N, C-alpha and C. Protein backbone atom coordinates (compact mmCIF):
# COMPACT_ATOMS: atom_id res chain seq x y z
N MET A 1 107.44 -36.97 155.09
CA MET A 1 107.73 -35.64 154.97
C MET A 1 107.36 -35.91 153.63
N LYS A 2 106.43 -36.40 153.08
CA LYS A 2 106.08 -36.62 151.75
C LYS A 2 104.33 -35.96 152.25
N ARG A 3 104.33 -35.30 152.55
CA ARG A 3 103.33 -35.02 152.85
C ARG A 3 102.82 -33.08 152.82
N TYR A 4 103.89 -32.97 153.21
CA TYR A 4 104.48 -31.58 153.00
C TYR A 4 104.88 -30.84 152.58
N LEU A 5 105.54 -31.92 151.28
CA LEU A 5 105.75 -31.28 150.30
C LEU A 5 104.59 -31.34 148.91
N SER A 6 105.15 -32.62 149.38
CA SER A 6 103.75 -32.24 148.18
C SER A 6 102.93 -31.85 147.46
N LYS A 7 102.26 -31.58 148.52
CA LYS A 7 100.83 -29.46 148.46
C LYS A 7 101.81 -28.80 147.29
N MET A 8 102.85 -28.11 147.75
CA MET A 8 103.81 -27.04 147.75
C MET A 8 104.68 -28.17 146.35
N ALA A 9 104.72 -28.76 146.14
CA ALA A 9 105.44 -29.14 144.79
C ALA A 9 103.91 -29.48 143.36
N LEU A 10 102.61 -29.27 143.64
CA LEU A 10 101.24 -29.29 143.01
C LEU A 10 101.11 -27.83 142.73
N VAL A 11 101.22 -26.65 143.73
CA VAL A 11 101.16 -25.04 143.65
C VAL A 11 102.26 -24.52 142.62
N ALA A 12 103.08 -25.50 143.03
CA ALA A 12 104.24 -25.42 142.20
C ALA A 12 104.54 -24.93 141.18
N PHE A 13 104.13 -26.50 140.56
CA PHE A 13 104.10 -27.04 139.24
C PHE A 13 102.92 -25.59 138.17
N VAL A 14 101.41 -26.16 139.11
CA VAL A 14 100.41 -25.33 138.49
C VAL A 14 101.30 -23.56 137.89
N VAL A 15 101.13 -22.87 138.74
CA VAL A 15 101.75 -21.39 138.48
C VAL A 15 103.48 -21.90 138.21
N TYR A 16 103.88 -22.63 137.83
CA TYR A 16 105.30 -22.71 136.90
C TYR A 16 104.71 -22.73 135.80
N LEU A 17 103.80 -23.51 135.30
CA LEU A 17 102.71 -24.02 133.95
C LEU A 17 102.23 -23.11 133.65
N LEU A 18 101.41 -22.29 133.99
CA LEU A 18 100.70 -21.10 133.92
C LEU A 18 101.88 -19.95 133.09
N SER A 19 102.43 -19.62 133.96
CA SER A 19 103.23 -18.73 134.37
C SER A 19 103.97 -18.48 132.45
N ILE A 20 104.53 -19.90 131.90
CA ILE A 20 105.84 -20.29 131.17
C ILE A 20 104.54 -20.08 129.82
N ILE A 21 103.29 -20.55 130.16
CA ILE A 21 101.94 -20.13 129.03
C ILE A 21 101.99 -19.09 129.03
N LEU A 22 101.60 -18.10 129.50
CA LEU A 22 101.41 -16.76 129.92
C LEU A 22 102.59 -15.72 129.15
N ILE A 23 104.03 -15.90 129.60
CA ILE A 23 105.15 -15.49 128.58
C ILE A 23 105.02 -15.93 127.79
N LYS A 24 105.00 -16.52 126.95
CA LYS A 24 104.81 -17.13 125.36
C LYS A 24 103.98 -16.77 124.23
N LEU A 25 102.05 -16.53 125.31
CA LEU A 25 101.20 -15.55 124.68
C LEU A 25 101.72 -14.23 125.29
N ILE A 26 102.43 -13.54 125.83
CA ILE A 26 103.18 -12.45 125.35
C ILE A 26 103.55 -12.31 124.41
N LEU A 27 105.08 -13.11 124.09
CA LEU A 27 105.85 -12.51 123.88
C LEU A 27 105.97 -13.19 122.51
N ASN A 28 104.89 -13.90 121.94
CA ASN A 28 104.28 -14.31 119.95
C ASN A 28 103.20 -14.29 119.94
N GLY A 29 102.03 -13.42 120.57
CA GLY A 29 101.26 -13.04 120.04
C GLY A 29 100.34 -13.99 120.28
N TYR A 30 99.32 -13.96 120.12
CA TYR A 30 98.15 -14.66 120.30
C TYR A 30 97.49 -15.69 118.78
N THR A 31 98.62 -15.04 118.05
CA THR A 31 97.58 -15.88 116.28
C THR A 31 99.36 -16.68 116.16
N ASP A 32 100.07 -16.60 116.65
CA ASP A 32 101.20 -18.04 116.76
C ASP A 32 101.32 -19.23 117.45
N PHE A 33 100.55 -17.99 118.76
CA PHE A 33 99.89 -19.10 120.16
C PHE A 33 99.02 -20.11 120.07
N SER A 34 98.50 -19.32 119.33
CA SER A 34 96.55 -20.04 118.99
C SER A 34 97.20 -21.32 117.99
N GLU A 35 98.69 -20.95 117.15
CA GLU A 35 98.39 -22.35 116.48
C GLU A 35 99.67 -23.04 116.69
N GLN A 36 100.01 -22.96 117.70
CA GLN A 36 101.19 -23.71 118.51
C GLN A 36 100.41 -23.79 120.18
N PHE A 37 99.58 -23.52 119.97
CA PHE A 37 99.17 -24.39 121.38
C PHE A 37 99.90 -25.13 121.72
N LEU A 38 98.90 -26.27 121.20
CA LEU A 38 99.91 -28.15 121.51
C LEU A 38 101.35 -28.33 121.68
N LYS A 39 102.04 -27.38 120.78
CA LYS A 39 103.37 -27.74 121.12
C LYS A 39 103.87 -26.96 122.20
N ILE A 40 103.13 -25.55 122.53
CA ILE A 40 103.96 -24.32 123.40
C ILE A 40 103.38 -25.54 125.13
N LEU A 41 102.47 -25.97 124.81
CA LEU A 41 101.96 -27.17 126.20
C LEU A 41 103.25 -28.21 126.52
N LEU A 42 102.95 -29.18 126.02
CA LEU A 42 103.78 -30.25 125.80
C LEU A 42 105.20 -29.24 126.12
N GLU A 43 105.78 -28.73 126.01
CA GLU A 43 106.80 -27.88 126.05
C GLU A 43 106.63 -27.11 127.76
N SER A 44 105.76 -26.84 128.11
CA SER A 44 105.62 -26.53 129.34
C SER A 44 105.44 -27.40 130.10
N ILE A 45 104.60 -27.92 129.48
CA ILE A 45 104.70 -29.52 130.89
C ILE A 45 106.19 -29.94 131.49
N ILE A 46 106.46 -30.13 129.98
CA ILE A 46 108.27 -30.88 130.02
C ILE A 46 109.59 -29.98 130.54
N ALA A 47 109.01 -28.88 131.07
CA ALA A 47 109.65 -28.15 131.87
C ALA A 47 109.89 -28.26 133.01
N GLY A 48 107.83 -27.88 132.74
CA GLY A 48 107.41 -27.61 134.72
C GLY A 48 108.00 -28.89 135.43
N ILE A 49 107.60 -30.33 134.68
CA ILE A 49 108.21 -31.36 134.86
C ILE A 49 109.47 -31.15 136.13
N ILE A 50 110.91 -30.86 134.73
CA ILE A 50 112.10 -30.70 135.47
C ILE A 50 112.22 -30.18 136.42
N PHE A 51 112.12 -29.03 136.33
CA PHE A 51 112.00 -27.83 137.04
C PHE A 51 111.31 -27.59 138.80
N VAL A 52 110.13 -28.70 138.62
CA VAL A 52 110.23 -29.21 139.96
C VAL A 52 110.20 -30.18 140.72
N THR A 53 110.89 -31.46 139.51
CA THR A 53 111.97 -32.41 140.08
C THR A 53 113.02 -31.86 140.96
N LEU A 54 113.71 -31.08 140.13
CA LEU A 54 114.91 -31.47 140.72
C LEU A 54 114.77 -29.80 141.94
N TYR A 55 113.91 -28.88 141.79
CA TYR A 55 113.88 -27.99 142.90
C TYR A 55 113.12 -28.65 144.02
N PHE A 56 111.63 -29.49 144.03
CA PHE A 56 111.46 -30.28 145.34
C PHE A 56 112.29 -31.83 145.38
N GLY A 57 113.07 -31.81 144.87
CA GLY A 57 114.15 -33.03 144.85
C GLY A 57 114.95 -32.44 146.39
N PHE A 58 116.12 -31.08 145.30
CA PHE A 58 116.61 -30.62 146.63
C PHE A 58 116.25 -29.73 147.65
N LEU A 59 115.12 -29.81 147.78
CA LEU A 59 114.49 -29.18 149.08
C LEU A 59 114.29 -30.62 149.59
N TRP A 60 113.69 -31.72 149.15
CA TRP A 60 113.62 -32.74 150.04
C TRP A 60 115.50 -32.77 150.62
N TYR A 61 116.07 -33.30 150.13
CA TYR A 61 117.01 -33.09 150.71
C TYR A 61 117.96 -32.48 151.76
N ILE A 62 116.81 -31.39 151.55
CA ILE A 62 117.56 -30.06 153.00
C ILE A 62 116.87 -31.19 153.93
N LEU A 63 115.26 -31.29 153.83
CA LEU A 63 114.54 -31.16 154.42
C LEU A 63 114.24 -32.31 155.69
N LYS A 64 114.60 -33.54 154.33
CA LYS A 64 114.78 -35.10 154.79
C LYS A 64 114.99 -35.41 156.91
N SER A 65 115.97 -35.14 157.38
CA SER A 65 116.60 -34.87 158.28
C SER A 65 116.25 -34.48 159.27
N THR A 66 115.61 -33.45 159.30
CA THR A 66 114.99 -32.35 160.07
C THR A 66 113.34 -32.57 160.50
N LEU A 67 112.92 -32.97 159.70
CA LEU A 67 111.33 -33.02 159.30
C LEU A 67 111.43 -34.11 159.13
N GLY A 68 112.04 -34.89 158.81
CA GLY A 68 112.15 -36.79 158.74
C GLY A 68 112.18 -36.60 160.61
N TYR A 69 112.92 -36.07 160.85
CA TYR A 69 113.49 -36.68 162.83
C TYR A 69 112.17 -36.00 163.39
N LEU A 70 111.61 -35.07 163.05
CA LEU A 70 110.66 -34.41 163.77
C LEU A 70 109.15 -35.21 163.26
N ASP A 71 109.28 -35.51 162.34
CA ASP A 71 107.87 -36.29 161.31
C ASP A 71 107.60 -38.25 163.00
N SER A 72 108.83 -38.20 162.44
CA SER A 72 109.08 -39.59 163.01
C SER A 72 108.58 -39.93 164.82
N ASN A 73 108.29 -41.41 164.81
CA ASN A 73 108.10 -41.62 166.30
C ASN A 73 109.13 -41.80 167.66
N SER A 74 110.36 -41.09 167.06
CA SER A 74 111.31 -41.54 167.58
C SER A 74 111.55 -40.12 168.86
N PHE A 75 111.66 -39.98 169.67
CA PHE A 75 111.60 -39.47 171.14
C PHE A 75 113.00 -39.43 171.37
N ASP A 76 114.18 -39.91 170.76
CA ASP A 76 115.50 -39.88 171.27
C ASP A 76 116.36 -37.90 171.04
N GLU A 77 116.63 -37.23 171.61
CA GLU A 77 117.26 -36.47 171.55
C GLU A 77 118.73 -36.18 170.84
N PRO A 78 118.04 -35.33 169.28
CA PRO A 78 118.50 -35.33 167.92
C PRO A 78 120.53 -35.43 168.37
N THR A 79 121.29 -36.28 167.61
CA THR A 79 122.24 -36.18 167.34
C THR A 79 123.57 -35.15 166.61
N SER A 80 123.13 -34.88 165.61
CA SER A 80 123.54 -33.94 164.43
C SER A 80 122.97 -32.83 163.85
N GLY A 81 123.45 -32.46 163.63
CA GLY A 81 122.82 -30.86 162.77
C GLY A 81 122.91 -29.87 164.10
N HIS A 82 122.03 -28.85 162.87
CA HIS A 82 122.56 -27.59 163.52
C HIS A 82 120.95 -27.05 165.05
N LYS A 83 121.81 -27.10 165.96
CA LYS A 83 120.61 -27.11 167.30
C LYS A 83 120.55 -26.50 168.58
N LEU A 84 119.88 -25.35 169.75
CA LEU A 84 119.98 -24.78 170.58
C LEU A 84 119.32 -25.94 170.84
N THR A 85 119.86 -25.33 172.65
CA THR A 85 119.76 -26.31 173.87
C THR A 85 119.64 -25.85 174.75
N GLU A 86 118.86 -25.35 175.42
CA GLU A 86 118.54 -24.64 176.78
C GLU A 86 117.17 -25.52 177.62
N VAL A 87 117.74 -25.53 178.95
CA VAL A 87 117.10 -25.48 180.22
C VAL A 87 116.40 -24.88 180.93
N VAL A 88 114.51 -24.51 181.09
CA VAL A 88 114.08 -23.70 181.43
C VAL A 88 113.87 -24.05 182.72
N ASP A 89 113.75 -23.14 184.38
CA ASP A 89 113.01 -23.90 185.12
C ASP A 89 111.41 -23.48 185.30
N THR A 90 110.67 -24.42 185.00
CA THR A 90 109.13 -23.94 185.23
C THR A 90 108.08 -24.46 186.07
N ARG A 91 107.17 -24.38 187.00
CA ARG A 91 106.07 -25.15 187.88
C ARG A 91 105.53 -25.94 187.42
N ILE A 92 105.66 -26.46 185.68
CA ILE A 92 105.01 -27.66 185.33
C ILE A 92 105.50 -28.97 186.01
N THR A 93 104.66 -29.19 186.71
CA THR A 93 104.86 -31.09 187.26
C THR A 93 104.24 -31.76 186.42
N ASP A 94 103.07 -31.57 186.06
CA ASP A 94 101.91 -31.79 185.44
C ASP A 94 102.36 -32.34 183.71
N PHE A 95 102.34 -33.83 183.42
CA PHE A 95 102.30 -34.08 181.70
C PHE A 95 101.37 -33.50 180.95
N ASN A 96 100.31 -33.67 181.24
CA ASN A 96 99.62 -33.30 180.17
C ASN A 96 99.07 -31.50 180.58
N SER A 97 99.56 -31.27 181.33
CA SER A 97 99.20 -28.79 181.50
C SER A 97 101.14 -29.10 180.68
N PHE A 98 101.67 -29.82 180.78
CA PHE A 98 102.77 -29.37 179.95
C PHE A 98 102.67 -29.46 178.14
N LYS A 99 101.70 -30.90 177.61
CA LYS A 99 101.79 -31.09 176.38
C LYS A 99 100.38 -30.11 175.19
N GLU A 100 100.14 -30.01 176.24
CA GLU A 100 98.08 -29.16 176.54
C GLU A 100 98.58 -27.62 175.35
N ILE A 101 99.96 -27.15 176.19
CA ILE A 101 100.80 -25.71 176.11
C ILE A 101 101.22 -25.85 174.34
N PHE A 102 101.60 -27.16 174.54
CA PHE A 102 101.99 -26.99 173.14
C PHE A 102 100.64 -27.47 171.73
N PHE A 103 99.97 -28.63 172.49
CA PHE A 103 98.84 -28.30 171.19
C PHE A 103 98.03 -27.22 171.22
N LYS A 104 97.94 -26.11 172.05
CA LYS A 104 97.81 -24.69 171.72
C LYS A 104 98.22 -23.91 170.52
N ASN A 105 99.51 -24.26 170.82
CA ASN A 105 100.78 -23.37 169.77
C ASN A 105 101.16 -23.30 169.04
N TYR A 106 101.08 -25.35 168.36
CA TYR A 106 102.08 -25.36 167.09
C TYR A 106 100.46 -27.02 166.43
N SER A 107 100.91 -26.92 164.68
CA SER A 107 100.00 -27.44 164.35
C SER A 107 100.50 -29.57 164.35
N HIS A 108 101.54 -29.31 165.02
CA HIS A 108 101.78 -30.94 164.52
C HIS A 108 102.77 -30.93 165.87
N VAL A 109 102.06 -31.71 166.77
CA VAL A 109 102.89 -32.04 167.87
C VAL A 109 102.64 -34.06 168.28
N LYS A 110 103.78 -34.04 168.73
CA LYS A 110 104.09 -35.51 169.17
C LYS A 110 104.53 -36.10 170.29
N TYR A 111 103.62 -36.22 171.30
CA TYR A 111 104.26 -36.63 171.94
C TYR A 111 104.25 -38.44 172.78
N SER A 112 105.56 -38.59 174.30
CA SER A 112 105.66 -39.72 174.45
C SER A 112 105.53 -39.43 176.34
N GLU A 113 104.80 -39.79 176.85
CA GLU A 113 104.03 -40.24 178.10
C GLU A 113 105.61 -40.80 178.73
N GLU A 114 105.50 -41.74 178.43
CA GLU A 114 106.92 -42.61 178.61
C GLU A 114 108.31 -41.67 179.31
N LYS A 115 107.98 -41.38 177.91
CA LYS A 115 109.56 -40.17 178.24
C LYS A 115 109.76 -38.65 178.68
N ALA A 116 108.00 -38.41 178.93
CA ALA A 116 107.73 -37.48 179.43
C ALA A 116 108.32 -36.16 178.19
N ALA A 117 107.98 -36.40 177.26
CA ALA A 117 108.79 -35.72 176.28
C ALA A 117 107.85 -35.45 175.07
N VAL A 118 107.39 -33.82 174.19
CA VAL A 118 106.49 -34.34 173.24
C VAL A 118 107.47 -32.61 171.86
N LYS A 119 107.29 -33.86 171.02
CA LYS A 119 107.83 -32.96 170.06
C LYS A 119 106.76 -32.23 168.79
N PHE A 120 107.22 -30.74 168.66
CA PHE A 120 106.44 -30.04 168.05
C PHE A 120 107.18 -29.15 167.09
N PHE A 121 106.03 -28.76 166.16
CA PHE A 121 106.54 -27.86 164.85
C PHE A 121 105.68 -27.43 164.20
N ASN A 122 105.11 -26.16 163.54
CA ASN A 122 104.36 -25.85 162.14
C ASN A 122 104.99 -26.27 160.84
N SER A 123 103.37 -26.07 160.54
CA SER A 123 103.29 -26.20 159.10
C SER A 123 105.03 -25.53 158.18
N LEU A 124 105.15 -26.48 157.51
CA LEU A 124 106.27 -25.83 155.97
C LEU A 124 105.21 -24.83 154.70
N SER A 125 106.19 -23.81 154.72
CA SER A 125 105.17 -22.47 154.24
C SER A 125 106.40 -22.19 152.80
N PHE A 126 106.01 -21.06 151.55
CA PHE A 126 107.34 -21.28 150.86
C PHE A 126 107.63 -19.95 151.70
N ILE A 127 106.78 -18.71 151.87
CA ILE A 127 107.50 -17.89 152.95
C ILE A 127 108.93 -18.30 153.60
N ARG A 128 108.02 -18.77 155.10
CA ARG A 128 108.67 -18.65 155.98
C ARG A 128 109.14 -20.31 156.59
N TRP A 129 111.04 -20.11 157.00
CA TRP A 129 111.14 -21.60 157.39
C TRP A 129 111.33 -21.76 158.78
N GLU A 130 110.20 -22.77 159.42
CA GLU A 130 110.29 -22.80 160.29
C GLU A 130 111.64 -23.49 161.47
N VAL A 131 110.71 -23.08 162.84
CA VAL A 131 111.79 -24.05 163.20
C VAL A 131 110.93 -25.24 164.43
N GLY A 132 111.63 -26.64 164.56
CA GLY A 132 110.62 -27.26 165.15
C GLY A 132 111.57 -28.24 166.71
N GLY A 133 111.20 -28.65 167.72
CA GLY A 133 111.99 -28.75 168.35
C GLY A 133 111.38 -30.68 169.03
N ILE A 134 112.39 -30.78 170.79
CA ILE A 134 111.35 -31.17 171.30
C ILE A 134 112.14 -30.90 172.97
N ALA A 135 110.67 -31.12 174.07
CA ALA A 135 110.91 -30.63 175.39
C ALA A 135 110.42 -31.70 176.06
N TYR A 136 111.63 -32.37 176.92
CA TYR A 136 111.99 -33.36 178.40
C TYR A 136 111.53 -32.39 179.48
N LEU A 137 110.35 -33.16 180.17
CA LEU A 137 109.67 -32.58 181.22
C LEU A 137 110.39 -33.46 182.59
N ASP A 138 111.14 -32.59 183.37
CA ASP A 138 111.20 -33.56 184.38
C ASP A 138 110.27 -33.29 185.39
N THR A 139 108.93 -34.62 186.01
CA THR A 139 108.41 -34.27 186.23
C THR A 139 108.34 -33.68 188.12
N ILE A 140 109.62 -34.13 188.40
CA ILE A 140 109.84 -33.93 190.26
C ILE A 140 109.86 -33.10 190.17
N THR A 141 111.12 -32.11 189.54
CA THR A 141 111.71 -30.33 189.22
C THR A 141 110.94 -29.33 188.66
N GLY A 142 110.41 -30.17 187.09
CA GLY A 142 109.40 -28.87 186.58
C GLY A 142 110.71 -28.41 185.48
N ASN A 143 111.41 -29.00 185.70
CA ASN A 143 112.37 -28.35 184.28
C ASN A 143 112.66 -29.00 182.85
N VAL A 144 112.34 -27.64 182.48
CA VAL A 144 112.27 -28.24 181.18
C VAL A 144 113.12 -28.74 180.23
N LYS A 145 113.89 -29.44 179.13
CA LYS A 145 115.49 -29.64 178.60
C LYS A 145 114.30 -28.78 176.62
N ILE A 146 115.04 -28.37 176.49
CA ILE A 146 113.97 -28.06 174.98
C ILE A 146 115.65 -27.94 174.40
N THR A 147 114.84 -28.79 173.06
CA THR A 147 115.69 -28.91 172.28
C THR A 147 115.77 -28.13 170.80
N LEU A 148 115.34 -26.85 169.75
CA LEU A 148 115.25 -26.98 168.80
C LEU A 148 115.85 -27.15 167.59
N ILE A 149 115.85 -27.29 166.78
CA ILE A 149 115.94 -27.27 165.25
C ILE A 149 115.55 -26.75 163.97
N PRO A 150 116.76 -25.94 163.13
CA PRO A 150 115.79 -24.81 162.66
C PRO A 150 115.67 -26.51 161.18
N TYR A 151 114.88 -26.29 160.41
CA TYR A 151 114.41 -27.01 159.44
C TYR A 151 115.17 -26.99 158.05
N SER A 152 116.12 -25.36 158.12
CA SER A 152 116.94 -25.20 156.79
C SER A 152 118.48 -26.07 157.00
N GLY A 153 118.94 -26.00 158.10
CA GLY A 153 120.77 -26.73 158.73
C GLY A 153 120.77 -25.53 159.05
N TYR A 154 122.38 -25.39 158.95
CA TYR A 154 123.13 -24.36 159.39
C TYR A 154 123.47 -22.92 158.10
N SER A 155 122.25 -22.32 159.29
CA SER A 155 122.40 -20.92 158.35
C SER A 155 122.67 -19.28 159.65
N HIS A 156 122.92 -17.98 159.14
CA HIS A 156 123.02 -17.47 159.91
C HIS A 156 121.02 -16.67 160.34
N ALA A 157 120.55 -16.87 158.65
CA ALA A 157 118.82 -16.87 159.05
C ALA A 157 118.64 -17.65 159.88
N ALA A 158 119.07 -19.16 160.03
CA ALA A 158 118.47 -19.76 161.02
C ALA A 158 118.68 -20.17 162.47
N ASP A 159 120.09 -19.46 163.21
CA ASP A 159 120.19 -18.92 164.26
C ASP A 159 119.42 -18.08 164.45
N LYS A 160 119.12 -17.67 163.98
CA LYS A 160 118.27 -16.06 164.55
C LYS A 160 116.46 -16.38 165.07
N LEU A 161 115.97 -18.00 163.61
CA LEU A 161 115.42 -18.40 163.91
C LEU A 161 115.28 -19.15 165.25
N LEU A 162 116.06 -20.22 165.47
CA LEU A 162 116.59 -20.42 167.14
C LEU A 162 116.35 -19.59 167.52
N ASN A 163 117.03 -19.25 167.63
CA ASN A 163 117.01 -17.73 168.97
C ASN A 163 115.84 -17.10 168.99
N GLU A 164 114.66 -16.39 168.27
CA GLU A 164 113.45 -16.24 167.97
C GLU A 164 112.08 -17.20 168.94
N GLU A 165 112.65 -18.59 168.25
CA GLU A 165 111.76 -19.71 168.81
C GLU A 165 111.90 -20.20 169.93
N MET A 166 113.33 -20.22 170.45
CA MET A 166 113.57 -20.50 171.50
C MET A 166 112.69 -19.11 172.96
N LYS A 167 113.19 -18.45 172.68
CA LYS A 167 112.22 -17.24 173.57
C LYS A 167 110.76 -17.44 173.38
N ARG A 168 110.16 -17.23 172.43
CA ARG A 168 108.64 -18.05 172.49
C ARG A 168 108.45 -19.35 172.86
N VAL A 169 109.12 -20.52 172.87
CA VAL A 169 108.83 -21.47 173.72
C VAL A 169 108.90 -21.22 175.69
N LYS A 170 110.40 -20.54 175.74
CA LYS A 170 109.77 -19.59 177.14
C LYS A 170 109.23 -19.40 178.03
N GLU A 171 107.97 -18.42 177.17
CA GLU A 171 107.27 -17.46 177.09
C GLU A 171 106.11 -18.45 177.44
N LEU A 172 105.90 -19.79 176.18
CA LEU A 172 104.88 -20.04 176.42
C LEU A 172 104.71 -21.04 178.23
N LEU A 173 105.96 -21.77 178.74
CA LEU A 173 106.69 -23.11 179.55
C LEU A 173 106.35 -21.71 180.53
N VAL A 174 107.20 -20.78 181.38
CA VAL A 174 107.55 -19.51 182.48
C VAL A 174 105.88 -18.82 182.08
N GLY A 175 105.55 -18.41 181.44
CA GLY A 175 104.10 -17.25 181.85
C GLY A 175 104.67 -16.24 180.96
């Protein structure tokens, strides 16, 4: 999960640092700013480190269970948390064509041929929290059990995202 948050934390730190420096430049004027530049820079760096550490520490705490599960090598069904589960009838009985659907439509995909399961999710973004999930294919009947998990946990927005993503996954699988 570290790889998903590290880029975001670096960007947030740089934006925060530049914003504080720019605000101090505007409020203090150029002459005061240039005389105290090192002091302002040091204060901004310390404040940026504190802010980014607290913000992304909280974010990590929220995301560790869902993204940790989605990024893990476990293909057991998630036992806790907010989730939406449905079974869909499809004509797919070949696991290779099943997993290919997910490889084409999601940025992160893991699969287990022995369990006929595929984990899928898209990358994190500052703008939109996403949904990830796991899908199990019954190669005999063609039924697919889909379990979706929101990154953010319980919320009204998460319910909406779950329903939208379930509709999308069904369309991908059924056609």
